[in-house]
Amino acid sequence: MPRLTPSPTWRSGLERTARSAAATLSAWSKRLAGVPGLRPVAATAGTLLVVFVSWKAWQGAQFDDVSVPALIAVAAFAVPLVLAADGAEFAIQGAMVGVHLPAVESVRQVSRANVANLLPLPGGPVLRHRVLASRGATQRGAVRAQLMTGVWWLTCGMTVTGVALIVAADRWWIGGLGLIVGLVFGGIGWTIRPRLATAGQLALLMTVELVKVLIGATRLWIVALLLGAKLGWLGALTTAFSTPAAAALGIFPSGIGAREALVGGVAGLIGADAALLFLAATIERVVATVAMLPVLVWAMWGRSRELSAL
């Protein structure tokens, strides 16, 4: 693998800021992990947080004229797909920085990261960074793996959205803009790749990110159909960018966030019912959270090599 050229000023500043923040939060996590009896307390707090968020989201959702069992079945069917994609993503991140993560361990850690994401701070990325750094990865490598993954997730979302807008809605200008933005983010992600990453690992990571946005858009599509929306699968793919874009904005997931607003905005471009798609995105998020509840509780209470608290 050729050595990277000297980083531009903006990229160096971004890396330094991310590395400093991750190192500080990781150090606090390490100190907390050494406190006797804290892990059961953290697991209990995490479990209560997941249950509370799920309950509040369920209470706030509107399930009129829709089959709740059908919604739960859709979400439950998607759970293994989501877990497989997230677990593969984290395992690839580890491989890119010289850390081996068994499949079950990878799924457990990303599930814990999902719990940490329920907090009003970037808990998920910090926990992932802590896992990689505690197993031999350099601070810089761990940060680069996190940054690159997030950027390429957005790359895939923008690219799929751009293609879908062109094919499904004949929106050449805005679809082309989406493609260009996707390519730009793809290039940015490439420049911040970990030095140890191989071409095969990078190809696998891009494939996983593509699968993730397809799973999210497909699940939204099925929920929208259950609500009576007239929407084709290609139309649903125009919303592929909404999940990574909302994640980049750091929206607290127990309330209506940026993804729902983005989905509603895209609806106008494809001639769909904006209010109905907004509702579909809200309900899809709620049932997905509830369906993941058993996995999140397992992740909080299960044992693993990583003993750091959230």
C-alpha atoms as a PDB file:
ATOM      1  CA  MET A   1       0.000   0.000   0.000  1.00  0.00           C
ATOM      2  CA  PRO A   2       1.572   3.340  -0.985  1.00  0.00           C
ATOM      3  CA  ARG A   3       2.122   5.893   1.734  1.00  0.00           C
ATOM      4  CA  LEU A   4      -0.336   8.704   1.909  1.00  0.00           C
ATOM      5  CA  THR A   5       0.702  12.145   0.772  1.00  0.00           C
ATOM      6  CA  PRO A   6       0.814  14.893   3.421  1.00  0.00           C
ATOM      7  CA  SER A   7      -2.678  15.716   4.637  1.00  0.00           C
ATOM      8  CA  PRO A   8      -4.337  19.002   3.661  1.00  0.00           C
ATOM      9  CA  THR A   9      -4.798  21.483   6.497  1.00  0.00           C
ATOM     10  CA  TRP A  10      -8.539  20.849   6.847  1.00  0.00           C
ATOM     11  CA  ARG A  11      -8.069  17.100   7.012  1.00  0.00           C
ATOM     12  CA  SER A  12      -5.236  17.306   9.517  1.00  0.00           C
ATOM     13  CA  GLY A  13      -7.338  19.592  11.701  1.00  0.00           C
ATOM     14  CA  LEU A  14     -10.315  17.244  11.494  1.00  0.00           C
ATOM     15  CA  GLU A  15      -8.166  14.261  12.424  1.00  0.00           C
ATOM     16  CA  ARG A  16      -6.533  16.094  15.335  1.00  0.00           C
ATOM     17  CA  THR A  17      -9.875  17.249  16.703  1.00  0.00           C
ATOM     18  CA  ALA A  18     -11.492  13.819  16.370  1.00  0.00           C
ATOM     19  CA  ARG A  19      -8.438  12.059  17.788  1.00  0.00           C
ATOM     20  CA  SER A  20      -8.220  14.421  20.758  1.00  0.00           C
ATOM     21  CA  ALA A  21     -11.924  14.122  21.566  1.00  0.00           C
ATOM     22  CA  ALA A  22     -11.896  10.335  21.197  1.00  0.00           C
ATOM     23  CA  ALA A  23      -8.759   9.977  23.309  1.00  0.00           C
ATOM     24  CA  THR A  24     -10.201  12.153  26.085  1.00  0.00           C
ATOM     25  CA  LEU A  25     -13.528  10.329  26.187  1.00  0.00           C
ATOM     26  CA  SER A  26     -11.777   6.967  25.897  1.00  0.00           C
ATOM     27  CA  ALA A  27      -9.548   7.834  28.857  1.00  0.00           C
ATOM     28  CA  TRP A  28     -12.582   8.676  30.960  1.00  0.00           C
ATOM     29  CA  SER A  29     -14.208   5.416  29.858  1.00  0.00           C
ATOM     30  CA  LYS A  30     -11.109   3.491  30.897  1.00  0.00           C
ATOM     31  CA  ARG A  31     -11.093   5.126  34.324  1.00  0.00           C
ATOM     32  CA  LEU A  32     -14.764   4.379  34.832  1.00  0.00           C
ATOM     33  CA  ALA A  33     -14.235   0.778  33.738  1.00  0.00           C
ATOM     34  CA  GLY A  34     -11.822   0.340  36.644  1.00  0.00           C
ATOM     35  CA  VAL A  35     -14.408   1.317  39.255  1.00  0.00           C
ATOM     36  CA  PRO A  36     -15.568  -1.847  41.100  1.00  0.00           C
ATOM     37  CA  GLY A  37     -19.216  -2.704  40.555  1.00  0.00           C
ATOM     38  CA  LEU A  38     -19.772  -0.040  37.917  1.00  0.00           C
ATOM     39  CA  ARG A  39     -20.411  -2.403  35.007  1.00  0.00           C
ATOM     40  CA  PRO A  40     -23.691  -3.832  36.441  1.00  0.00           C
ATOM     41  CA  VAL A  41     -24.821  -0.286  37.166  1.00  0.00           C
ATOM     42  CA  ALA A  42     -23.971   0.792  33.610  1.00  0.00           C
ATOM     43  CA  ALA A  43     -25.747  -2.256  32.182  1.00  0.00           C
ATOM     44  CA  THR A  44     -28.831  -1.502  34.268  1.00  0.00           C
ATOM     45  CA  ALA A  45     -28.790   2.148  33.224  1.00  0.00           C
ATOM     46  CA  GLY A  46     -28.367   1.174  29.583  1.00  0.00           C
ATOM     47  CA  THR A  47     -31.238  -1.310  29.765  1.00  0.00           C
ATOM     48  CA  LEU A  48     -33.532   1.259  31.378  1.00  0.00           C
ATOM     49  CA  LEU A  49     -32.547   3.812  28.738  1.00  0.00           C
ATOM     50  CA  VAL A  50     -33.398   1.433  25.893  1.00  0.00           C
ATOM     51  CA  VAL A  51     -36.723   0.463  27.478  1.00  0.00           C
ATOM     52  CA  PHE A  52     -37.599   4.112  28.159  1.00  0.00           C
ATOM     53  CA  VAL A  53     -36.765   5.258  24.637  1.00  0.00           C
ATOM     54  CA  SER A  54     -38.699   2.348  23.108  1.00  0.00           C
ATOM     55  CA  TRP A  55     -41.728   3.008  25.322  1.00  0.00           C
ATOM     56  CA  LYS A  56     -41.765   6.771  24.662  1.00  0.00           C
ATOM     57  CA  ALA A  57     -41.365   6.240  20.932  1.00  0.00           C
ATOM     58  CA  TRP A  58     -44.169   3.659  20.899  1.00  0.00           C
ATOM     59  CA  GLN A  59     -46.456   5.953  22.910  1.00  0.00           C
ATOM     60  CA  GLY A  60     -45.846   8.821  20.502  1.00  0.00           C
ATOM     61  CA  ALA A  61     -46.414   6.854  17.299  1.00  0.00           C
ATOM     62  CA  GLN A  62     -49.724   6.792  15.429  1.00  0.00           C
ATOM     63  CA  PHE A  63     -50.772   3.266  14.475  1.00  0.00           C
ATOM     64  CA  ASP A  64     -54.237   4.071  13.127  1.00  0.00           C
ATOM     65  CA  ASP A  65     -55.390   1.910  10.196  1.00  0.00           C
ATOM     66  CA  VAL A  66     -52.241  -0.199  10.145  1.00  0.00           C
ATOM     67  CA  SER A  67     -51.511  -3.713  11.370  1.00  0.00           C
ATOM     68  CA  VAL A  68     -49.129  -3.485  14.322  1.00  0.00           C
ATOM     69  CA  PRO A  69     -48.216  -7.221  14.133  1.00  0.00           C
ATOM     70  CA  ALA A  70     -47.325  -6.745  10.466  1.00  0.00           C
ATOM     71  CA  LEU A  71     -45.101  -3.780  11.336  1.00  0.00           C
ATOM     72  CA  ILE A  72     -43.347  -5.728  14.079  1.00  0.00           C
ATOM     73  CA  ALA A  73     -42.898  -8.679  11.708  1.00  0.00           C
ATOM     74  CA  VAL A  74     -41.222  -6.421   9.137  1.00  0.00           C
ATOM     75  CA  ALA A  75     -38.907  -4.945  11.754  1.00  0.00           C
ATOM     76  CA  ALA A  76     -38.101  -8.353  13.252  1.00  0.00           C
ATOM     77  CA  PHE A  77     -37.323  -9.758   9.799  1.00  0.00           C
ATOM     78  CA  ALA A  78     -34.856  -6.919   9.238  1.00  0.00           C
ATOM     79  CA  VAL A  79     -33.091  -7.376  12.609  1.00  0.00           C
ATOM     80  CA  PRO A  80     -30.702 -10.171  11.512  1.00  0.00           C
ATOM     81  CA  LEU A  81     -29.909  -8.271   8.312  1.00  0.00           C
ATOM     82  CA  VAL A  82     -29.114  -5.097  10.245  1.00  0.00           C
ATOM     83  CA  LEU A  83     -27.037  -6.980  12.822  1.00  0.00           C
ATOM     84  CA  ALA A  84     -25.098  -8.807  10.108  1.00  0.00           C
ATOM     85  CA  ALA A  85     -24.350  -5.565   8.259  1.00  0.00           C
ATOM     86  CA  ASP A  86     -23.362  -3.630  11.391  1.00  0.00           C
ATOM     87  CA  GLY A  87     -21.278  -6.520  12.704  1.00  0.00           C
ATOM     88  CA  ALA A  88     -19.493  -6.932   9.373  1.00  0.00           C
ATOM     89  CA  GLU A  89     -18.835  -3.196   9.248  1.00  0.00           C
ATOM     90  CA  PHE A  90     -17.166  -3.171  12.664  1.00  0.00           C
ATOM     91  CA  ALA A  91     -15.180  -6.326  11.924  1.00  0.00           C
ATOM     92  CA  ILE A  92     -13.850  -4.686   8.751  1.00  0.00           C
ATOM     93  CA  GLN A  93     -12.992  -1.544  10.699  1.00  0.00           C
ATOM     94  CA  GLY A  94     -11.015  -3.704  13.089  1.00  0.00           C
ATOM     95  CA  ALA A  95      -9.238  -5.537  10.272  1.00  0.00           C
ATOM     96  CA  MET A  96      -8.204  -2.216   8.720  1.00  0.00           C
ATOM     97  CA  VAL A  97      -6.338  -1.292  11.913  1.00  0.00           C
ATOM     98  CA  GLY A  98      -4.971  -4.755  12.714  1.00  0.00           C
ATOM     99  CA  VAL A  99      -7.633  -5.823  15.233  1.00  0.00           C
ATOM    100  CA  HIS A 100      -9.436  -9.165  14.892  1.00  0.00           C
ATOM    101  CA  LEU A 101     -13.054  -9.154  16.069  1.00  0.00           C
ATOM    102  CA  PRO A 102     -15.005 -12.452  16.120  1.00  0.00           C
ATOM    103  CA  ALA A 103     -18.490 -12.233  14.620  1.00  0.00           C
ATOM    104  CA  VAL A 104     -20.444 -12.502  17.891  1.00  0.00           C
ATOM    105  CA  GLU A 105     -18.147 -10.034  19.629  1.00  0.00           C
ATOM    106  CA  SER A 106     -18.489  -7.561  16.768  1.00  0.00           C
ATOM    107  CA  VAL A 107     -22.294  -7.741  16.892  1.00  0.00           C
ATOM    108  CA  ARG A 108     -22.253  -7.320  20.675  1.00  0.00           C
ATOM    109  CA  GLN A 109     -20.078  -4.227  20.489  1.00  0.00           C
ATOM    110  CA  VAL A 110     -22.071  -2.508  17.742  1.00  0.00           C
ATOM    111  CA  SER A 111     -25.257  -3.236  19.692  1.00  0.00           C
ATOM    112  CA  ARG A 112     -23.700  -1.555  22.730  1.00  0.00           C
ATOM    113  CA  ALA A 113     -22.737   1.323  20.480  1.00  0.00           C
ATOM    114  CA  ASN A 114     -26.378   1.607  19.407  1.00  0.00           C
ATOM    115  CA  VAL A 115     -27.365   1.921  23.070  1.00  0.00           C
ATOM    116  CA  ALA A 116     -24.705   4.602  23.539  1.00  0.00           C
ATOM    117  CA  ASN A 117     -26.146   6.456  20.543  1.00  0.00           C
ATOM    118  CA  LEU A 118     -29.366   6.957  22.508  1.00  0.00           C
ATOM    119  CA  LEU A 119     -27.475   9.466  24.646  1.00  0.00           C
ATOM    120  CA  PRO A 120     -27.303  13.146  23.599  1.00  0.00           C
ATOM    121  CA  LEU A 121     -23.621  12.735  22.673  1.00  0.00           C
ATOM    122  CA  PRO A 122     -21.665  10.670  20.112  1.00  0.00           C
ATOM    123  CA  GLY A 123     -21.488   7.650  22.419  1.00  0.00           C
ATOM    124  CA  GLY A 124     -21.482   5.015  19.679  1.00  0.00           C
ATOM    125  CA  PRO A 125     -18.353   6.190  17.834  1.00  0.00           C
ATOM    126  CA  VAL A 126     -16.553   6.707  21.145  1.00  0.00           C
ATOM    127  CA  LEU A 127     -17.352   3.163  22.280  1.00  0.00           C
ATOM    128  CA  ARG A 128     -16.196   1.709  18.955  1.00  0.00           C
ATOM    129  CA  HIS A 129     -13.009   3.743  19.157  1.00  0.00           C
ATOM    130  CA  ARG A 130     -12.452   2.518  22.727  1.00  0.00           C
ATOM    131  CA  VAL A 131     -12.799  -1.108  21.644  1.00  0.00           C
ATOM    132  CA  LEU A 132     -10.314  -0.757  18.781  1.00  0.00           C
ATOM    133  CA  ALA A 133      -7.805   1.329  20.754  1.00  0.00           C
ATOM    134  CA  SER A 134      -7.888  -1.073  23.710  1.00  0.00           C
ATOM    135  CA  ARG A 135      -6.980  -3.988  21.420  1.00  0.00           C
ATOM    136  CA  GLY A 136      -3.874  -2.559  19.856  1.00  0.00           C
ATOM    137  CA  ALA A 137      -5.084  -0.077  17.242  1.00  0.00           C
ATOM    138  CA  THR A 138      -3.407   3.315  17.178  1.00  0.00           C
ATOM    139  CA  GLN A 139      -5.487   6.337  18.153  1.00  0.00           C
ATOM    140  CA  ARG A 140      -5.065   7.736  14.646  1.00  0.00           C
ATOM    141  CA  GLY A 141      -5.986   4.467  12.962  1.00  0.00           C
ATOM    142  CA  ALA A 142      -9.099   3.997  15.096  1.00  0.00           C
ATOM    143  CA  VAL A 143     -10.253   7.545  14.386  1.00  0.00           C
ATOM    144  CA  ARG A 144      -9.627   7.185  10.655  1.00  0.00           C
ATOM    145  CA  ALA A 145     -11.594   3.930  10.540  1.00  0.00           C
ATOM    146  CA  GLN A 146     -14.578   5.627  12.205  1.00  0.00           C
ATOM    147  CA  LEU A 147     -14.442   8.755  10.052  1.00  0.00           C
ATOM    148  CA  MET A 148     -14.006   6.859   6.801  1.00  0.00           C
ATOM    149  CA  THR A 149     -16.908   4.515   7.542  1.00  0.00           C
ATOM    150  CA  GLY A 150     -19.272   7.390   8.277  1.00  0.00           C
ATOM    151  CA  VAL A 151     -18.225   9.265   5.148  1.00  0.00           C
ATOM    152  CA  TRP A 152     -18.609   6.206   2.920  1.00  0.00           C
ATOM    153  CA  TRP A 153     -22.009   5.431   4.434  1.00  0.00           C
ATOM    154  CA  LEU A 154     -23.097   8.900   3.331  1.00  0.00           C
ATOM    155  CA  THR A 155     -21.384   8.306  -0.024  1.00  0.00           C
ATOM    156  CA  CYS A 156     -23.519   5.233  -0.690  1.00  0.00           C
ATOM    157  CA  GLY A 157     -26.676   6.978   0.474  1.00  0.00           C
ATOM    158  CA  MET A 158     -26.141   9.996  -1.779  1.00  0.00           C
ATOM    159  CA  THR A 159     -25.173   7.830  -4.755  1.00  0.00           C
ATOM    160  CA  VAL A 160     -28.204   5.535  -4.456  1.00  0.00           C
ATOM    161  CA  THR A 161     -30.488   8.539  -3.966  1.00  0.00           C
ATOM    162  CA  GLY A 162     -29.030  10.262  -7.019  1.00  0.00           C
ATOM    163  CA  VAL A 163     -29.476   7.237  -9.271  1.00  0.00           C
ATOM    164  CA  ALA A 164     -33.011   6.618  -7.971  1.00  0.00           C
ATOM    165  CA  LEU A 165     -34.039  10.246  -8.570  1.00  0.00           C
ATOM    166  CA  ILE A 166     -32.857   9.994 -12.166  1.00  0.00           C
ATOM    167  CA  VAL A 167     -34.437   6.606 -12.893  1.00  0.00           C
ATOM    168  CA  ALA A 168     -37.647   6.800 -10.848  1.00  0.00           C
ATOM    169  CA  ALA A 169     -38.519  10.489 -11.103  1.00  0.00           C
ATOM    170  CA  ASP A 170     -36.577  11.735 -14.142  1.00  0.00           C
ATOM    171  CA  ARG A 171     -34.936  14.333 -11.895  1.00  0.00           C
ATOM    172  CA  TRP A 172     -31.687  14.629 -13.812  1.00  0.00           C
ATOM    173  CA  TRP A 173     -30.353  17.812 -12.273  1.00  0.00           C
ATOM    174  CA  ILE A 174     -30.880  17.032  -8.619  1.00  0.00           C
ATOM    175  CA  GLY A 175     -30.121  13.354  -9.183  1.00  0.00           C
ATOM    176  CA  GLY A 176     -26.881  14.281 -10.907  1.00  0.00           C
ATOM    177  CA  LEU A 177     -26.050  16.610  -8.029  1.00  0.00           C
ATOM    178  CA  GLY A 178     -26.595  13.727  -5.617  1.00  0.00           C
ATOM    179  CA  LEU A 179     -24.200  11.582  -7.643  1.00  0.00           C
ATOM    180  CA  ILE A 180     -21.561  14.321  -7.667  1.00  0.00           C
ATOM    181  CA  VAL A 181     -21.865  14.844  -3.907  1.00  0.00           C
ATOM    182  CA  GLY A 182     -21.605  11.084  -3.424  1.00  0.00           C
ATOM    183  CA  LEU A 183     -18.427  10.929  -5.501  1.00  0.00           C
ATOM    184  CA  VAL A 184     -16.928  13.865  -3.595  1.00  0.00           C
ATOM    185  CA  PHE A 185     -17.599  12.190  -0.253  1.00  0.00           C
ATOM    186  CA  GLY A 186     -16.206   8.961  -1.649  1.00  0.00           C
ATOM    187  CA  GLY A 187     -12.976  10.758  -2.471  1.00  0.00           C
ATOM    188  CA  ILE A 188     -12.830  12.349   0.972  1.00  0.00           C
ATOM    189  CA  GLY A 189     -13.297   8.940   2.576  1.00  0.00           C
ATOM    190  CA  TRP A 190     -10.498   7.515   0.454  1.00  0.00           C
ATOM    191  CA  THR A 191      -8.052  10.204   1.604  1.00  0.00           C
ATOM    192  CA  ILE A 192      -8.649   9.433   5.285  1.00  0.00           C
ATOM    193  CA  ARG A 193      -8.465   5.641   4.997  1.00  0.00           C
ATOM    194  CA  PRO A 194      -6.324   3.848   7.626  1.00  0.00           C
ATOM    195  CA  ARG A 195      -2.778   3.249   6.398  1.00  0.00           C
ATOM    196  CA  LEU A 196      -3.022  -0.522   6.955  1.00  0.00           C
ATOM    197  CA  ALA A 197      -6.251  -0.918   4.964  1.00  0.00           C
ATOM    198  CA  THR A 198      -6.034  -3.192   1.929  1.00  0.00           C
ATOM    199  CA  ALA A 199      -7.940  -2.858  -1.333  1.00  0.00           C
ATOM    200  CA  GLY A 200     -10.015  -5.923  -0.453  1.00  0.00           C
ATOM    201  CA  GLN A 201     -11.013  -4.499   2.929  1.00  0.00           C
ATOM    202  CA  LEU A 202     -11.967  -1.171   1.373  1.00  0.00           C
ATOM    203  CA  ALA A 203     -14.093  -2.911  -1.260  1.00  0.00           C
ATOM    204  CA  LEU A 204     -15.850  -4.951   1.428  1.00  0.00           C
ATOM    205  CA  LEU A 205     -16.503  -1.840   3.503  1.00  0.00           C
ATOM    206  CA  MET A 206     -18.044  -0.010   0.551  1.00  0.00           C
ATOM    207  CA  THR A 207     -20.225  -3.062  -0.165  1.00  0.00           C
ATOM    208  CA  VAL A 208     -21.429  -3.222   3.438  1.00  0.00           C
ATOM    209  CA  GLU A 209     -22.298   0.492   3.449  1.00  0.00           C
ATOM    210  CA  LEU A 210     -24.271  -0.001   0.239  1.00  0.00           C
ATOM    211  CA  VAL A 211     -26.148  -2.940   1.775  1.00  0.00           C
ATOM    212  CA  LYS A 212     -26.954  -0.841   4.860  1.00  0.00           C
ATOM    213  CA  VAL A 213     -28.623   1.947   2.892  1.00  0.00           C
ATOM    214  CA  LEU A 214     -30.544  -0.589   0.788  1.00  0.00           C
ATOM    215  CA  ILE A 215     -31.837  -2.351   3.911  1.00  0.00           C
ATOM    216  CA  GLY A 216     -32.973   0.940   5.438  1.00  0.00           C
ATOM    217  CA  ALA A 217     -34.745   2.123   2.289  1.00  0.00           C
ATOM    218  CA  THR A 218     -36.401  -1.264   1.728  1.00  0.00           C
ATOM    219  CA  ARG A 219     -37.709  -1.428   5.292  1.00  0.00           C
ATOM    220  CA  LEU A 220     -39.145   2.079   4.926  1.00  0.00           C
ATOM    221  CA  TRP A 221     -40.739   1.057   1.623  1.00  0.00           C
ATOM    222  CA  ILE A 222     -42.522  -1.939   3.161  1.00  0.00           C
ATOM    223  CA  VAL A 223     -43.824   0.145   6.075  1.00  0.00           C
ATOM    224  CA  ALA A 224     -45.043   2.798   3.628  1.00  0.00           C
ATOM    225  CA  LEU A 225     -46.903   0.124   1.642  1.00  0.00           C
ATOM    226  CA  LEU A 226     -48.562  -1.117   4.837  1.00  0.00           C
ATOM    227  CA  LEU A 227     -49.764   2.448   5.412  1.00  0.00           C
ATOM    228  CA  GLY A 228     -51.277   2.535   1.927  1.00  0.00           C
ATOM    229  CA  ALA A 229     -48.659   4.619   0.129  1.00  0.00           C
ATOM    230  CA  LYS A 230     -48.375   4.355  -3.641  1.00  0.00           C
ATOM    231  CA  LEU A 231     -44.617   3.962  -3.808  1.00  0.00           C
ATOM    232  CA  GLY A 232     -42.339   1.734  -5.841  1.00  0.00           C
ATOM    233  CA  TRP A 233     -39.057   0.323  -4.583  1.00  0.00           C
ATOM    234  CA  LEU A 234     -37.055   2.709  -6.772  1.00  0.00           C
ATOM    235  CA  GLY A 235     -39.055   5.564  -5.306  1.00  0.00           C
ATOM    236  CA  ALA A 236     -38.161   4.394  -1.812  1.00  0.00           C
ATOM    237  CA  LEU A 237     -34.483   4.332  -2.781  1.00  0.00           C
ATOM    238  CA  THR A 238     -34.614   8.112  -3.219  1.00  0.00           C
ATOM    239  CA  THR A 239     -34.637   8.272   0.590  1.00  0.00           C
ATOM    240  CA  ALA A 240     -31.441   6.211   0.924  1.00  0.00           C
ATOM    241  CA  PHE A 241     -29.358   9.217   1.964  1.00  0.00           C
ATOM    242  CA  SER A 242     -31.678  10.194   4.824  1.00  0.00           C
ATOM    243  CA  THR A 243     -30.384   7.783   7.482  1.00  0.00           C
ATOM    244  CA  PRO A 244     -26.643   8.530   7.134  1.00  0.00           C
ATOM    245  CA  ALA A 245     -27.399  12.246   6.772  1.00  0.00           C
ATOM    246  CA  ALA A 246     -29.471  12.249   9.969  1.00  0.00           C
ATOM    247  CA  ALA A 247     -26.766  10.254  11.767  1.00  0.00           C
ATOM    248  CA  ALA A 248     -24.199  12.850  10.724  1.00  0.00           C
ATOM    249  CA  LEU A 249     -26.371  15.531  12.308  1.00  0.00           C
ATOM    250  CA  GLY A 250     -26.515  13.570  15.578  1.00  0.00           C
ATOM    251  CA  ILE A 251     -30.284  13.626  16.054  1.00  0.00           C
ATOM    252  CA  PHE A 252     -31.537  12.148  19.351  1.00  0.00           C
ATOM    253  CA  PRO A 253     -33.430   9.045  18.189  1.00  0.00           C
ATOM    254  CA  SER A 254     -36.318   8.972  20.685  1.00  0.00           C
ATOM    255  CA  GLY A 255     -38.043  11.941  19.026  1.00  0.00           C
ATOM    256  CA  ILE A 256     -38.854  12.942  15.481  1.00  0.00           C
ATOM    257  CA  GLY A 257     -35.516  13.741  13.921  1.00  0.00           C
ATOM    258  CA  ALA A 258     -33.887  14.835  10.731  1.00  0.00           C
ATOM    259  CA  ARG A 259     -34.474  11.581   8.850  1.00  0.00           C
ATOM    260  CA  GLU A 260     -38.239  11.967   8.938  1.00  0.00           C
ATOM    261  CA  ALA A 261     -37.973  15.563   7.712  1.00  0.00           C
ATOM    262  CA  LEU A 262     -35.607  14.540   4.906  1.00  0.00           C
ATOM    263  CA  VAL A 263     -37.907  11.713   3.818  1.00  0.00           C
ATOM    264  CA  GLY A 264     -40.858  14.098   3.750  1.00  0.00           C
ATOM    265  CA  GLY A 265     -38.841  16.559   1.691  1.00  0.00           C
ATOM    266  CA  VAL A 266     -37.810  13.963  -0.884  1.00  0.00           C
ATOM    267  CA  ALA A 267     -41.435  12.849  -1.270  1.00  0.00           C
ATOM    268  CA  GLY A 268     -42.234  16.039  -3.154  1.00  0.00           C
ATOM    269  CA  LEU A 269     -39.542  15.275  -5.723  1.00  0.00           C
ATOM    270  CA  ILE A 270     -41.036  11.901  -6.635  1.00  0.00           C
ATOM    271  CA  GLY A 271     -44.712  12.862  -6.481  1.00  0.00           C
ATOM    272  CA  ALA A 272     -45.419  10.883  -3.304  1.00  0.00           C
ATOM    273  CA  ASP A 273     -47.535  11.874  -0.297  1.00  0.00           C
ATOM    274  CA  ALA A 274     -45.083  13.774   1.928  1.00  0.00           C
ATOM    275  CA  ALA A 275     -47.210  13.468   5.081  1.00  0.00           C
ATOM    276  CA  LEU A 276     -47.646   9.730   4.582  1.00  0.00           C
ATOM    277  CA  LEU A 277     -43.932   9.113   4.011  1.00  0.00           C
ATOM    278  CA  PHE A 278     -43.101  11.284   7.017  1.00  0.00           C
ATOM    279  CA  LEU A 279     -45.416   9.109   9.110  1.00  0.00           C
ATOM    280  CA  ALA A 280     -43.938   5.932   7.587  1.00  0.00           C
ATOM    281  CA  ALA A 281     -40.408   7.036   8.507  1.00  0.00           C
ATOM    282  CA  THR A 282     -41.517   7.800  12.065  1.00  0.00           C
ATOM    283  CA  ILE A 283     -43.291   4.467  12.543  1.00  0.00           C
ATOM    284  CA  GLU A 284     -40.466   2.535  10.859  1.00  0.00           C
ATOM    285  CA  ARG A 285     -37.967   3.990  13.334  1.00  0.00           C
ATOM    286  CA  VAL A 286     -40.222   3.180  16.292  1.00  0.00           C
ATOM    287  CA  VAL A 287     -40.869  -0.457  15.382  1.00  0.00           C
ATOM    288  CA  ALA A 288     -37.197  -0.957  14.471  1.00  0.00           C
ATOM    289  CA  THR A 289     -36.158   0.242  17.931  1.00  0.00           C
ATOM    290  CA  VAL A 290     -38.703  -1.993  19.655  1.00  0.00           C
ATOM    291  CA  ALA A 291     -37.712  -5.036  17.572  1.00  0.00           C
ATOM    292  CA  MET A 292     -34.064  -4.529  18.519  1.00  0.00           C
ATOM    293  CA  LEU A 293     -34.841  -4.344  22.251  1.00  0.00           C
ATOM    294  CA  PRO A 294     -33.937  -8.004  23.086  1.00  0.00           C
ATOM    295  CA  VAL A 295     -30.630  -7.712  21.217  1.00  0.00           C
ATOM    296  CA  LEU A 296     -29.727  -4.453  22.939  1.00  0.00           C
ATOM    297  CA  VAL A 297     -30.463  -5.930  26.373  1.00  0.00           C
ATOM    298  CA  TRP A 298     -28.358  -9.013  25.504  1.00  0.00           C
ATOM    299  CA  ALA A 299     -25.513  -6.750  24.435  1.00  0.00           C
ATOM    300  CA  MET A 300     -25.652  -4.761  27.669  1.00  0.00           C
ATOM    301  CA  TRP A 301     -25.626  -7.788  29.973  1.00  0.00           C
ATOM    302  CA  GLY A 302     -23.570 -10.279  27.987  1.00  0.00           C
ATOM    303  CA  ARG A 303     -19.909 -10.799  28.790  1.00  0.00           C
ATOM    304  CA  SER A 304     -17.142  -9.907  26.394  1.00  0.00           C
ATOM    305  CA  ARG A 305     -13.474  -9.023  26.376  1.00  0.00           C
ATOM    306  CA  GLU A 306     -14.364  -5.343  26.408  1.00  0.00           C
ATOM    307  CA  LEU A 307     -15.320  -4.391  29.961  1.00  0.00           C
ATOM    308  CA  SER A 308     -15.522  -0.649  29.570  1.00  0.00           C
ATOM    309  CA  ALA A 309     -18.691   1.042  30.687  1.00  0.00           C
ATOM    310  CA  LEU A 310     -20.790   3.265  28.496  1.00  0.00           C
END
